[in-house]
N, C-alpha and C. Protein backbone atom coordinates (compact mmCIF):
# COMPACT_ATOMS: atom_id res chain seq x y z
N MET A 1 86.02 111.88 86.87
CA MET A 1 86.72 110.65 86.54
C MET A 1 87.69 110.32 87.68
N THR A 2 87.54 109.13 88.20
CA THR A 2 88.39 108.69 89.29
C THR A 2 89.69 108.11 88.71
N ILE A 3 90.78 108.48 89.33
CA ILE A 3 92.08 107.95 88.90
C ILE A 3 92.65 107.06 90.00
N ILE A 4 93.65 106.30 89.65
CA ILE A 4 94.24 105.32 90.58
C ILE A 4 94.80 106.00 91.83
N LYS A 5 95.31 107.20 91.68
CA LYS A 5 95.82 107.95 92.84
C LYS A 5 94.72 108.09 93.90
N HIS A 6 93.47 108.34 93.46
CA HIS A 6 92.34 108.48 94.40
C HIS A 6 92.02 107.14 95.05
N VAL A 7 92.09 106.07 94.29
CA VAL A 7 91.82 104.73 94.83
C VAL A 7 92.84 104.39 95.91
N LEU A 8 94.12 104.66 95.63
CA LEU A 8 95.17 104.39 96.62
C LEU A 8 95.02 105.26 97.86
N ALA A 9 94.54 106.50 97.68
CA ALA A 9 94.34 107.39 98.82
C ALA A 9 93.31 106.79 99.78
N LYS A 10 92.31 106.11 99.25
CA LYS A 10 91.27 105.49 100.08
C LYS A 10 91.73 104.17 100.68
N LYS A 11 92.34 103.32 99.87
CA LYS A 11 92.67 101.97 100.33
C LYS A 11 94.03 101.88 101.01
N GLY A 12 94.91 102.82 100.71
CA GLY A 12 96.25 102.78 101.28
C GLY A 12 97.27 102.29 100.28
N HIS A 13 98.52 102.44 100.64
CA HIS A 13 99.62 102.10 99.75
C HIS A 13 100.33 100.81 100.18
N ASP A 14 99.73 100.08 101.11
CA ASP A 14 100.36 98.84 101.58
C ASP A 14 100.55 97.87 100.43
N VAL A 15 101.71 97.26 100.40
CA VAL A 15 102.04 96.26 99.39
C VAL A 15 102.52 95.01 100.12
N HIS A 16 101.91 93.90 99.80
CA HIS A 16 102.36 92.62 100.36
C HIS A 16 103.26 91.97 99.32
N ALA A 17 104.47 91.67 99.73
CA ALA A 17 105.46 91.15 98.78
C ALA A 17 106.26 90.02 99.40
N ILE A 18 106.88 89.26 98.51
CA ILE A 18 107.70 88.12 98.92
C ILE A 18 108.88 88.04 97.96
N PRO A 19 110.02 87.56 98.41
CA PRO A 19 111.16 87.40 97.49
C PRO A 19 110.99 86.17 96.61
N PRO A 20 111.64 86.16 95.45
CA PRO A 20 111.49 85.04 94.52
C PRO A 20 112.05 83.72 95.02
N ASP A 21 112.97 83.77 95.99
CA ASP A 21 113.55 82.52 96.49
C ASP A 21 112.81 81.96 97.71
N ALA A 22 111.68 82.56 98.06
CA ALA A 22 110.85 82.02 99.14
C ALA A 22 110.08 80.81 98.62
N SER A 23 109.62 79.97 99.53
CA SER A 23 108.84 78.80 99.10
C SER A 23 107.40 79.23 98.79
N VAL A 24 106.78 78.47 97.94
CA VAL A 24 105.37 78.73 97.61
C VAL A 24 104.53 78.57 98.87
N PHE A 25 104.91 77.64 99.74
CA PHE A 25 104.20 77.47 101.01
C PHE A 25 104.20 78.77 101.81
N ASP A 26 105.36 79.43 101.91
CA ASP A 26 105.45 80.70 102.64
C ASP A 26 104.58 81.78 101.98
N ALA A 27 104.54 81.76 100.66
CA ALA A 27 103.70 82.72 99.94
C ALA A 27 102.22 82.49 100.26
N LEU A 28 101.80 81.24 100.25
CA LEU A 28 100.41 80.91 100.56
C LEU A 28 100.06 81.29 101.99
N LYS A 29 100.99 81.02 102.89
CA LYS A 29 100.77 81.37 104.30
C LYS A 29 100.59 82.88 104.45
N MET A 30 101.44 83.67 103.75
CA MET A 30 101.33 85.12 103.82
C MET A 30 100.01 85.61 103.24
N MET A 31 99.59 85.01 102.12
CA MET A 31 98.30 85.39 101.52
C MET A 31 97.16 85.09 102.50
N ALA A 32 97.19 83.92 103.13
CA ALA A 32 96.13 83.55 104.06
C ALA A 32 96.10 84.48 105.27
N GLU A 33 97.28 84.80 105.81
CA GLU A 33 97.35 85.69 106.98
C GLU A 33 96.81 87.08 106.68
N ASN A 34 96.96 87.52 105.44
CA ASN A 34 96.52 88.87 105.06
C ASN A 34 95.20 88.89 104.29
N ASN A 35 94.59 87.70 104.14
CA ASN A 35 93.31 87.56 103.44
C ASN A 35 93.36 88.19 102.05
N ILE A 36 94.40 87.85 101.30
CA ILE A 36 94.59 88.37 99.95
C ILE A 36 94.86 87.21 98.99
N GLY A 37 94.71 87.49 97.69
CA GLY A 37 94.86 86.44 96.70
C GLY A 37 96.12 86.51 95.87
N SER A 38 96.99 87.48 96.18
CA SER A 38 98.22 87.60 95.42
C SER A 38 99.28 88.32 96.22
N LEU A 39 100.52 88.13 95.79
CA LEU A 39 101.66 88.85 96.37
C LEU A 39 102.53 89.34 95.23
N LEU A 40 103.06 90.53 95.38
CA LEU A 40 104.07 90.96 94.43
C LEU A 40 105.36 90.25 94.78
N VAL A 41 106.16 89.95 93.78
CA VAL A 41 107.44 89.30 94.01
C VAL A 41 108.51 90.36 93.77
N LEU A 42 109.25 90.67 94.85
CA LEU A 42 110.28 91.70 94.79
C LEU A 42 111.65 91.08 95.05
N ASP A 43 112.58 91.43 94.18
CA ASP A 43 113.98 91.08 94.37
C ASP A 43 114.65 92.37 94.81
N GLY A 44 114.79 92.54 96.11
CA GLY A 44 115.20 93.84 96.65
C GLY A 44 114.04 94.80 96.46
N ASP A 45 114.28 95.90 95.76
CA ASP A 45 113.21 96.86 95.46
C ASP A 45 112.63 96.66 94.06
N LYS A 46 113.15 95.69 93.34
CA LYS A 46 112.75 95.49 91.94
C LYS A 46 111.58 94.50 91.83
N LEU A 47 110.52 94.94 91.15
CA LEU A 47 109.37 94.07 90.89
C LEU A 47 109.77 93.07 89.81
N VAL A 48 109.73 91.77 90.17
CA VAL A 48 110.12 90.73 89.21
C VAL A 48 108.98 89.79 88.87
N GLY A 49 107.87 89.90 89.58
CA GLY A 49 106.76 89.01 89.28
C GLY A 49 105.58 89.19 90.22
N LEU A 50 104.64 88.29 90.04
CA LEU A 50 103.41 88.28 90.83
C LEU A 50 103.05 86.81 91.05
N ILE A 51 102.69 86.46 92.27
CA ILE A 51 102.23 85.10 92.54
C ILE A 51 100.81 85.19 93.06
N THR A 52 99.96 84.33 92.51
CA THR A 52 98.55 84.35 92.87
C THR A 52 98.09 82.95 93.27
N GLU A 53 96.90 82.90 93.85
CA GLU A 53 96.31 81.61 94.16
C GLU A 53 96.11 80.80 92.87
N ARG A 54 95.86 81.48 91.78
CA ARG A 54 95.70 80.81 90.49
C ARG A 54 97.01 80.13 90.07
N ASN A 55 98.15 80.82 90.28
CA ASN A 55 99.45 80.19 89.99
C ASN A 55 99.59 78.90 90.79
N TYR A 56 99.21 78.97 92.05
CA TYR A 56 99.31 77.80 92.92
C TYR A 56 98.46 76.65 92.39
N ALA A 57 97.21 76.95 92.06
CA ALA A 57 96.31 75.90 91.58
C ALA A 57 96.82 75.26 90.30
N ARG A 58 97.30 76.07 89.39
CA ARG A 58 97.72 75.55 88.09
C ARG A 58 99.12 74.95 88.07
N GLU A 59 100.02 75.49 88.87
CA GLU A 59 101.42 75.07 88.80
C GLU A 59 101.85 74.12 89.92
N ILE A 60 101.08 74.05 90.97
CA ILE A 60 101.44 73.14 92.07
C ILE A 60 100.44 71.98 92.12
N ILE A 61 99.20 72.30 92.40
CA ILE A 61 98.18 71.26 92.56
C ILE A 61 98.05 70.40 91.30
N LEU A 62 97.81 71.04 90.17
CA LEU A 62 97.56 70.30 88.93
C LEU A 62 98.78 69.56 88.39
N LYS A 63 99.97 69.99 88.81
CA LYS A 63 101.19 69.33 88.32
C LYS A 63 101.82 68.39 89.35
N GLY A 64 101.12 68.20 90.47
CA GLY A 64 101.59 67.25 91.48
C GLY A 64 102.84 67.69 92.23
N ARG A 65 103.11 68.98 92.25
CA ARG A 65 104.27 69.48 92.99
C ARG A 65 103.87 69.72 94.45
N THR A 66 104.84 70.06 95.27
CA THR A 66 104.54 70.41 96.65
C THR A 66 104.98 71.84 96.91
N SER A 67 104.18 72.54 97.70
CA SER A 67 104.46 73.96 97.94
C SER A 67 105.68 74.21 98.83
N PRO A 68 106.02 73.35 99.81
CA PRO A 68 107.22 73.62 100.60
C PRO A 68 108.53 73.51 99.81
N GLU A 69 108.53 72.66 98.79
CA GLU A 69 109.76 72.43 98.02
C GLU A 69 109.87 73.29 96.76
N THR A 70 108.80 73.94 96.37
CA THR A 70 108.81 74.74 95.14
C THR A 70 109.02 76.21 95.49
N LEU A 71 109.88 76.87 94.73
CA LEU A 71 110.16 78.29 94.96
C LEU A 71 109.16 79.16 94.22
N VAL A 72 108.92 80.33 94.77
CA VAL A 72 108.03 81.31 94.14
C VAL A 72 108.48 81.58 92.71
N ARG A 73 109.78 81.74 92.48
CA ARG A 73 110.30 82.06 91.15
C ARG A 73 109.90 81.02 90.11
N ASP A 74 109.65 79.79 90.55
CA ASP A 74 109.32 78.71 89.62
C ASP A 74 107.89 78.75 89.11
N ILE A 75 107.01 79.47 89.80
CA ILE A 75 105.60 79.49 89.36
C ILE A 75 105.04 80.90 89.18
N MET A 76 105.80 81.92 89.52
CA MET A 76 105.28 83.29 89.45
C MET A 76 105.04 83.73 88.00
N THR A 77 104.16 84.69 87.86
CA THR A 77 103.94 85.36 86.59
C THR A 77 105.01 86.42 86.45
N THR A 78 105.73 86.42 85.33
CA THR A 78 106.82 87.38 85.17
C THR A 78 106.44 88.56 84.29
N LYS A 79 105.43 88.41 83.46
CA LYS A 79 104.97 89.52 82.62
C LYS A 79 103.84 90.22 83.36
N VAL A 80 104.21 91.16 84.21
CA VAL A 80 103.25 91.84 85.07
C VAL A 80 102.87 93.18 84.45
N SER A 81 101.58 93.38 84.26
CA SER A 81 101.08 94.66 83.77
C SER A 81 101.07 95.64 84.93
N CYS A 82 101.57 96.84 84.70
CA CYS A 82 101.61 97.88 85.74
C CYS A 82 100.87 99.11 85.24
N VAL A 83 100.47 99.96 86.17
CA VAL A 83 99.79 101.21 85.84
C VAL A 83 100.41 102.37 86.58
N ARG A 84 100.06 103.57 86.13
CA ARG A 84 100.51 104.80 86.78
C ARG A 84 99.38 105.36 87.65
N PRO A 85 99.70 106.17 88.64
CA PRO A 85 98.66 106.72 89.51
C PRO A 85 97.74 107.72 88.80
N ASP A 86 98.15 108.25 87.64
CA ASP A 86 97.31 109.22 86.93
C ASP A 86 96.37 108.54 85.93
N GLN A 87 96.40 107.22 85.84
CA GLN A 87 95.50 106.53 84.93
C GLN A 87 94.12 106.40 85.56
N SER A 88 93.10 106.38 84.70
CA SER A 88 91.73 106.30 85.19
C SER A 88 91.36 104.87 85.58
N VAL A 89 90.36 104.78 86.43
CA VAL A 89 89.83 103.48 86.81
C VAL A 89 89.31 102.76 85.57
N ASP A 90 88.67 103.48 84.67
CA ASP A 90 88.16 102.87 83.44
C ASP A 90 89.29 102.27 82.60
N GLU A 91 90.41 102.98 82.48
CA GLU A 91 91.56 102.46 81.74
C GLU A 91 92.07 101.17 82.38
N CYS A 92 92.17 101.18 83.70
CA CYS A 92 92.69 100.02 84.41
C CYS A 92 91.74 98.83 84.31
N MET A 93 90.44 99.11 84.38
CA MET A 93 89.45 98.05 84.24
C MET A 93 89.55 97.43 82.84
N ALA A 94 89.73 98.26 81.83
CA ALA A 94 89.88 97.76 80.46
C ALA A 94 91.15 96.91 80.33
N LEU A 95 92.23 97.36 80.94
CA LEU A 95 93.49 96.62 80.90
C LEU A 95 93.34 95.27 81.60
N MET A 96 92.70 95.27 82.76
CA MET A 96 92.49 94.02 83.49
C MET A 96 91.64 93.03 82.68
N THR A 97 90.64 93.56 82.02
CA THR A 97 89.76 92.71 81.21
C THR A 97 90.51 92.16 80.00
N ALA A 98 91.23 93.02 79.31
CA ALA A 98 91.95 92.60 78.10
C ALA A 98 93.03 91.57 78.41
N ARG A 99 93.71 91.72 79.54
CA ARG A 99 94.83 90.82 79.87
C ARG A 99 94.45 89.74 80.87
N THR A 100 93.18 89.70 81.23
CA THR A 100 92.65 88.75 82.23
C THR A 100 93.53 88.67 83.47
N VAL A 101 93.75 89.83 84.07
CA VAL A 101 94.49 89.92 85.34
C VAL A 101 93.61 90.56 86.39
N ARG A 102 93.90 90.31 87.62
CA ARG A 102 93.09 90.82 88.72
C ARG A 102 93.83 91.81 89.61
N HIS A 103 95.15 91.96 89.37
CA HIS A 103 95.96 92.85 90.21
C HIS A 103 96.91 93.65 89.33
N LEU A 104 97.04 94.93 89.65
CA LEU A 104 97.95 95.80 88.90
C LEU A 104 98.84 96.57 89.88
N PRO A 105 100.13 96.34 89.84
CA PRO A 105 101.04 97.19 90.63
C PRO A 105 100.98 98.62 90.08
N VAL A 106 101.15 99.58 90.97
CA VAL A 106 101.13 101.00 90.60
C VAL A 106 102.55 101.54 90.74
N ILE A 107 103.07 102.07 89.63
CA ILE A 107 104.44 102.56 89.58
C ILE A 107 104.44 104.06 89.30
N GLU A 108 105.21 104.79 90.10
CA GLU A 108 105.36 106.24 89.89
C GLU A 108 106.85 106.58 89.94
N ASP A 109 107.34 107.21 88.89
CA ASP A 109 108.75 107.56 88.80
C ASP A 109 109.66 106.37 89.07
N GLY A 110 109.27 105.22 88.53
CA GLY A 110 110.08 104.02 88.67
C GLY A 110 109.97 103.31 90.01
N GLN A 111 109.13 103.84 90.91
CA GLN A 111 108.98 103.27 92.25
C GLN A 111 107.60 102.64 92.42
N LEU A 112 107.56 101.49 93.06
CA LEU A 112 106.31 100.82 93.38
C LEU A 112 105.64 101.59 94.52
N ILE A 113 104.40 102.05 94.29
CA ILE A 113 103.72 102.83 95.34
C ILE A 113 102.43 102.18 95.83
N GLY A 114 102.07 101.05 95.25
CA GLY A 114 100.85 100.37 95.68
C GLY A 114 100.43 99.33 94.68
N VAL A 115 99.29 98.73 94.96
CA VAL A 115 98.71 97.74 94.05
C VAL A 115 97.19 97.88 94.13
N VAL A 116 96.54 97.75 92.98
CA VAL A 116 95.08 97.79 92.94
C VAL A 116 94.55 96.47 92.40
N SER A 117 93.37 96.10 92.86
CA SER A 117 92.76 94.85 92.44
C SER A 117 91.50 95.13 91.66
N ILE A 118 90.97 94.10 91.04
CA ILE A 118 89.72 94.25 90.31
C ILE A 118 88.60 94.64 91.27
N GLY A 119 88.68 94.16 92.51
CA GLY A 119 87.69 94.55 93.52
C GLY A 119 87.75 96.05 93.81
N ASP A 120 88.96 96.60 93.85
CA ASP A 120 89.11 98.05 94.05
C ASP A 120 88.46 98.82 92.90
N MET A 121 88.65 98.30 91.67
CA MET A 121 88.09 98.97 90.50
C MET A 121 86.56 98.92 90.53
N VAL A 122 86.01 97.76 90.87
CA VAL A 122 84.55 97.62 90.94
C VAL A 122 83.98 98.53 92.03
N ASN A 123 84.61 98.55 93.19
CA ASN A 123 84.15 99.42 94.28
C ASN A 123 84.17 100.89 93.87
N SER A 124 85.21 101.30 93.17
CA SER A 124 85.32 102.69 92.72
C SER A 124 84.22 103.02 91.72
N ILE A 125 83.97 102.12 90.79
CA ILE A 125 82.92 102.35 89.79
C ILE A 125 81.55 102.42 90.46
N ILE A 126 81.28 101.54 91.39
CA ILE A 126 80.00 101.56 92.12
C ILE A 126 79.85 102.87 92.88
N HIS A 127 80.91 103.29 93.55
CA HIS A 127 80.86 104.56 94.30
C HIS A 127 80.56 105.73 93.36
N ASP A 128 81.24 105.78 92.21
CA ASP A 128 81.01 106.86 91.25
C ASP A 128 79.58 106.84 90.72
N GLN A 129 79.05 105.65 90.46
CA GLN A 129 77.68 105.54 89.97
C GLN A 129 76.68 105.97 91.03
N GLN A 130 76.91 105.59 92.28
CA GLN A 130 76.01 106.01 93.36
C GLN A 130 76.01 107.52 93.51
N PHE A 131 77.18 108.13 93.40
CA PHE A 131 77.28 109.58 93.48
C PHE A 131 76.49 110.23 92.35
N LEU A 132 76.65 109.73 91.14
CA LEU A 132 75.95 110.28 89.99
C LEU A 132 74.43 110.14 90.14
N ILE A 133 73.98 108.99 90.63
CA ILE A 133 72.55 108.78 90.85
C ILE A 133 72.01 109.78 91.86
N GLU A 134 72.74 109.98 92.96
CA GLU A 134 72.30 110.94 93.97
C GLU A 134 72.23 112.36 93.41
N GLU A 135 73.22 112.74 92.62
CA GLU A 135 73.22 114.07 92.00
C GLU A 135 72.05 114.24 91.05
N LEU A 136 71.76 113.22 90.26
CA LEU A 136 70.63 113.28 89.33
C LEU A 136 69.30 113.35 90.08
N GLU A 137 69.19 112.61 91.18
CA GLU A 137 67.97 112.67 91.98
C GLU A 137 67.78 114.06 92.58
N HIS A 138 68.85 114.68 93.06
CA HIS A 138 68.78 116.04 93.60
C HIS A 138 68.36 117.01 92.51
N PHE A 139 68.89 116.84 91.32
CA PHE A 139 68.56 117.71 90.20
C PHE A 139 67.09 117.55 89.80
N ILE A 140 66.64 116.29 89.72
CA ILE A 140 65.25 116.02 89.30
C ILE A 140 64.26 116.57 90.33
N HIS A 141 64.57 116.40 91.59
CA HIS A 141 63.65 116.83 92.65
C HIS A 141 63.88 118.28 93.07
N GLY A 142 64.83 118.95 92.45
CA GLY A 142 65.07 120.36 92.72
C GLY A 142 65.60 120.69 94.09
N ARG A 143 66.38 119.78 94.65
CA ARG A 143 66.94 120.04 95.99
C ARG A 143 68.28 120.68 95.87
């Protein structure tokens, strides 16, 4: 069973974050520069929210606002689901599905240590399935 700690060991612990008083334009620019779809919103070291491309589409574009004049705090998601590094990929996938979220910050001893995405979960599951298939093939063919 793969746990989030293993996923972070492979992908790294890098976290892309922005303060809540930054403009949405700056958040979008940072997402584009890093080829990512979300940013954690940190007030100092404290996780206060998450801003995604979906927030932008629903809260800026559809409401006729402008991204340079709107602050991240005004459109960010504040109820952010978090996970621990000892939780399984299956648990996290179930949480993402139940709450319809694509990103989960990883918290250990009250500290933010990384973030995992639905893509990370899918890649981990595919890797585990490929490993299992190879093991079964070795067993069947007696190698």
